[in-house]
Amino acid sequence: MNPDTVSMNVKTSQIIPQHGITHAMSGFEEGRNGILSSDGVGEEKPFDFLRSFCEGAIAGAAAGVAAEVALYPIDTIKTRLQAVHGGGKIILKGLYSGLAENVAGVFLASALYVGVYEPTRQKLLKDFPEKISAFAHLTASALGGALGGAASSIIRVPTE
């Protein structure tokens, strides 16, 4: 490779000169987060509540199920330890019995909680001015959490 070569395409054995990379990168500009993006300057996408809700619901459901599956046997052991008085024997058989019912409730409740929390928080942060950033994050997170908790209690309260 000569000194002007920046990169080489291994699959096609093509040498990519410095000016080729500069030309290819000219369509990109640095976004707000310092990440290269091809979005135009000044373009602001409208807030998509449904998309944000669905993304949050999927993430919440997955996290809730993962946590329930991981912690359910520990909770079962804790309950059995509390039930044994004076050095009785703890039965380790059936640590996952009853898990399916709990997973069904946690799946829906966690999906609803995060599904409401995330878009609420994002919308509030978008509407607050940037000069009150710390207050905006605190307020948006608190209101998002309150609304998410209220929404998920529709599922959680009857299942507990």
Protein backbone atom coordinates (compact mmCIF):
# COMPACT_ATOMS: atom_id res chain seq x y z
CA MET A 1 0.00 0.00 0.00
CA ASN A 2 1.23 3.48 -0.76
CA PRO A 3 1.25 6.33 1.80
CA ASP A 4 -2.00 7.85 0.45
CA THR A 5 -3.95 4.62 1.01
CA VAL A 6 -6.19 4.66 4.05
CA SER A 7 -7.94 1.32 3.78
CA MET A 8 -8.11 -1.80 1.70
CA ASN A 9 -11.25 -3.80 0.96
CA VAL A 10 -10.22 -7.38 1.80
CA LYS A 11 -13.08 -9.09 -0.05
CA THR A 12 -12.45 -7.41 -3.42
CA SER A 13 -8.78 -6.46 -2.91
CA GLN A 14 -9.68 -2.87 -3.75
CA ILE A 15 -7.50 -0.08 -2.42
CA ILE A 16 -9.53 2.83 -1.10
CA PRO A 17 -7.62 6.14 -1.31
CA GLN A 18 -7.95 8.94 1.25
CA HIS A 19 -10.07 11.14 -1.05
CA GLY A 20 -12.49 8.22 -1.61
CA ILE A 21 -13.27 7.97 2.09
CA THR A 22 -13.64 11.74 2.38
CA HIS A 23 -16.06 11.73 -0.56
CA ALA A 24 -18.05 8.80 0.86
CA MET A 25 -18.31 10.50 4.26
CA SER A 26 -19.35 13.90 2.86
CA GLY A 27 -23.06 12.99 3.04
CA PHE A 28 -22.85 12.50 6.79
CA GLU A 29 -22.79 15.11 9.47
CA GLU A 30 -22.36 14.93 13.19
CA GLY A 31 -25.62 14.55 15.09
CA ARG A 32 -26.56 15.98 18.51
CA ASN A 33 -25.04 13.03 20.35
CA GLY A 34 -21.73 13.15 18.48
CA ILE A 35 -22.74 10.15 16.41
CA LEU A 36 -22.53 10.33 12.65
CA SER A 37 -25.96 10.51 11.12
CA SER A 38 -27.33 11.17 7.67
CA ASP A 39 -30.26 13.22 8.94
CA GLY A 40 -30.48 16.75 7.64
CA VAL A 41 -29.77 19.67 9.93
CA GLY A 42 -32.88 21.06 11.53
CA GLU A 43 -35.08 18.08 10.69
CA GLU A 44 -37.05 17.09 13.75
CA LYS A 45 -39.02 13.87 13.58
CA PRO A 46 -42.46 13.92 15.18
CA PHE A 47 -42.83 11.93 18.39
CA ASP A 48 -44.19 8.45 17.66
CA PHE A 49 -45.97 7.37 20.86
CA LEU A 50 -47.10 4.00 19.49
CA ARG A 51 -43.62 2.99 18.36
CA SER A 52 -42.09 4.08 21.67
CA PHE A 53 -44.82 2.22 23.58
CA CYS A 54 -44.24 -1.00 21.59
CA GLU A 55 -40.46 -0.83 22.00
CA GLY A 56 -40.83 -0.22 25.74
CA ALA A 57 -43.42 -2.98 26.09
CA ILE A 58 -41.17 -5.52 24.37
CA ALA A 59 -38.17 -4.52 26.48
CA GLY A 60 -40.22 -4.51 29.69
CA ALA A 61 -41.77 -7.89 29.01
CA ALA A 62 -38.40 -9.47 28.22
CA ALA A 63 -36.76 -7.97 31.32
CA GLY A 64 -39.66 -8.95 33.57
CA VAL A 65 -39.69 -12.55 32.37
CA ALA A 66 -35.89 -12.86 32.64
CA ALA A 67 -35.91 -11.52 36.19
CA GLU A 68 -38.82 -13.73 37.23
CA VAL A 69 -37.24 -16.90 35.83
CA ALA A 70 -33.90 -16.10 37.50
CA LEU A 71 -35.28 -15.08 40.90
CA TYR A 72 -38.28 -17.39 41.29
CA PRO A 73 -36.32 -20.34 42.76
CA ILE A 74 -34.53 -18.01 45.19
CA ASP A 75 -37.88 -16.63 46.34
CA THR A 76 -39.21 -20.19 46.72
CA ILE A 77 -36.22 -21.18 48.87
CA LYS A 78 -36.65 -18.04 51.00
CA THR A 79 -40.32 -18.83 51.56
CA ARG A 80 -39.53 -22.43 52.50
CA LEU A 81 -36.82 -21.27 54.93
CA GLN A 82 -39.34 -18.99 56.62
CA ALA A 83 -41.85 -21.84 56.87
CA VAL A 84 -39.39 -24.24 58.53
CA HIS A 85 -39.25 -23.84 62.30
CA GLY A 86 -36.42 -25.05 64.51
CA GLY A 87 -34.05 -26.71 62.05
CA GLY A 88 -36.46 -28.65 59.85
CA LYS A 89 -35.41 -29.96 56.47
CA ILE A 90 -35.79 -27.75 53.39
CA ILE A 91 -37.16 -29.48 50.32
CA LEU A 92 -35.41 -28.33 47.14
CA LYS A 93 -37.72 -30.26 44.83
CA GLY A 94 -40.19 -28.24 42.75
CA LEU A 95 -38.42 -24.87 42.90
CA TYR A 96 -40.09 -23.81 39.66
CA SER A 97 -43.60 -25.06 40.41
CA GLY A 98 -46.08 -22.25 39.85
CA LEU A 99 -43.68 -20.26 37.68
CA ALA A 100 -45.93 -20.18 34.60
CA GLU A 101 -48.70 -18.27 36.37
CA ASN A 102 -46.25 -15.73 37.76
CA VAL A 103 -44.54 -15.28 34.39
CA ALA A 104 -47.89 -14.55 32.72
CA GLY A 105 -48.62 -11.77 35.22
CA VAL A 106 -45.10 -10.35 35.18
CA PHE A 107 -44.99 -10.42 31.37
CA LEU A 108 -48.07 -8.22 31.05
CA ALA A 109 -47.36 -5.95 34.02
CA SER A 110 -43.75 -5.26 33.05
CA ALA A 111 -44.71 -4.69 29.42
CA LEU A 112 -47.37 -2.19 30.45
CA TYR A 113 -45.12 -0.43 32.98
CA VAL A 114 -42.17 0.16 30.64
CA GLY A 115 -44.50 0.67 27.68
CA VAL A 116 -46.10 3.65 29.44
CA TYR A 117 -42.98 4.89 31.28
CA GLU A 118 -40.67 5.27 28.26
CA PRO A 119 -42.89 7.24 25.87
CA THR A 120 -44.13 9.46 28.72
CA ARG A 121 -40.57 10.24 29.79
CA GLN A 122 -39.40 10.82 26.21
CA LYS A 123 -42.32 13.13 25.40
CA LEU A 124 -41.84 15.18 28.56
CA LEU A 125 -38.08 15.50 27.99
CA LYS A 126 -38.75 16.64 24.44
CA ASP A 127 -41.14 19.33 25.65
CA PHE A 128 -38.99 20.69 28.53
CA PRO A 129 -36.43 23.39 27.70
CA GLU A 130 -32.81 22.20 27.69
CA LYS A 131 -31.64 24.81 30.22
CA ILE A 132 -33.44 22.97 33.06
CA SER A 133 -32.00 19.59 32.15
CA ALA A 134 -31.59 18.10 35.64
CA PHE A 135 -35.07 19.16 36.74
CA ALA A 136 -36.52 17.95 33.45
CA HIS A 137 -35.00 14.48 33.83
CA LEU A 138 -36.18 14.20 37.43
CA THR A 139 -39.70 15.37 36.63
CA ALA A 140 -40.06 13.31 33.46
CA SER A 141 -38.81 10.15 35.17
CA ALA A 142 -41.04 10.68 38.21
CA LEU A 143 -44.17 11.33 36.14
CA GLY A 144 -43.34 8.48 33.76
CA GLY A 145 -42.83 6.13 36.69
CA ALA A 146 -46.06 7.22 38.34
CA LEU A 147 -48.09 6.74 35.17
CA GLY A 148 -46.35 3.45 34.39
CA GLY A 149 -46.96 2.20 37.93
CA ALA A 150 -50.63 3.17 37.78
CA ALA A 151 -51.07 1.46 34.43
CA SER A 152 -49.26 -1.73 35.47
CA SER A 153 -51.21 -1.95 38.74
CA ILE A 154 -54.23 -2.91 36.63
CA ILE A 155 -52.42 -6.21 36.00
CA ARG A 156 -50.24 -6.50 39.16
CA VAL A 157 -52.83 -5.96 41.87
CA PRO A 158 -55.18 -8.80 40.89
CA THR A 159 -52.28 -11.24 40.34
CA GLU A 160 -50.61 -10.68 43.73
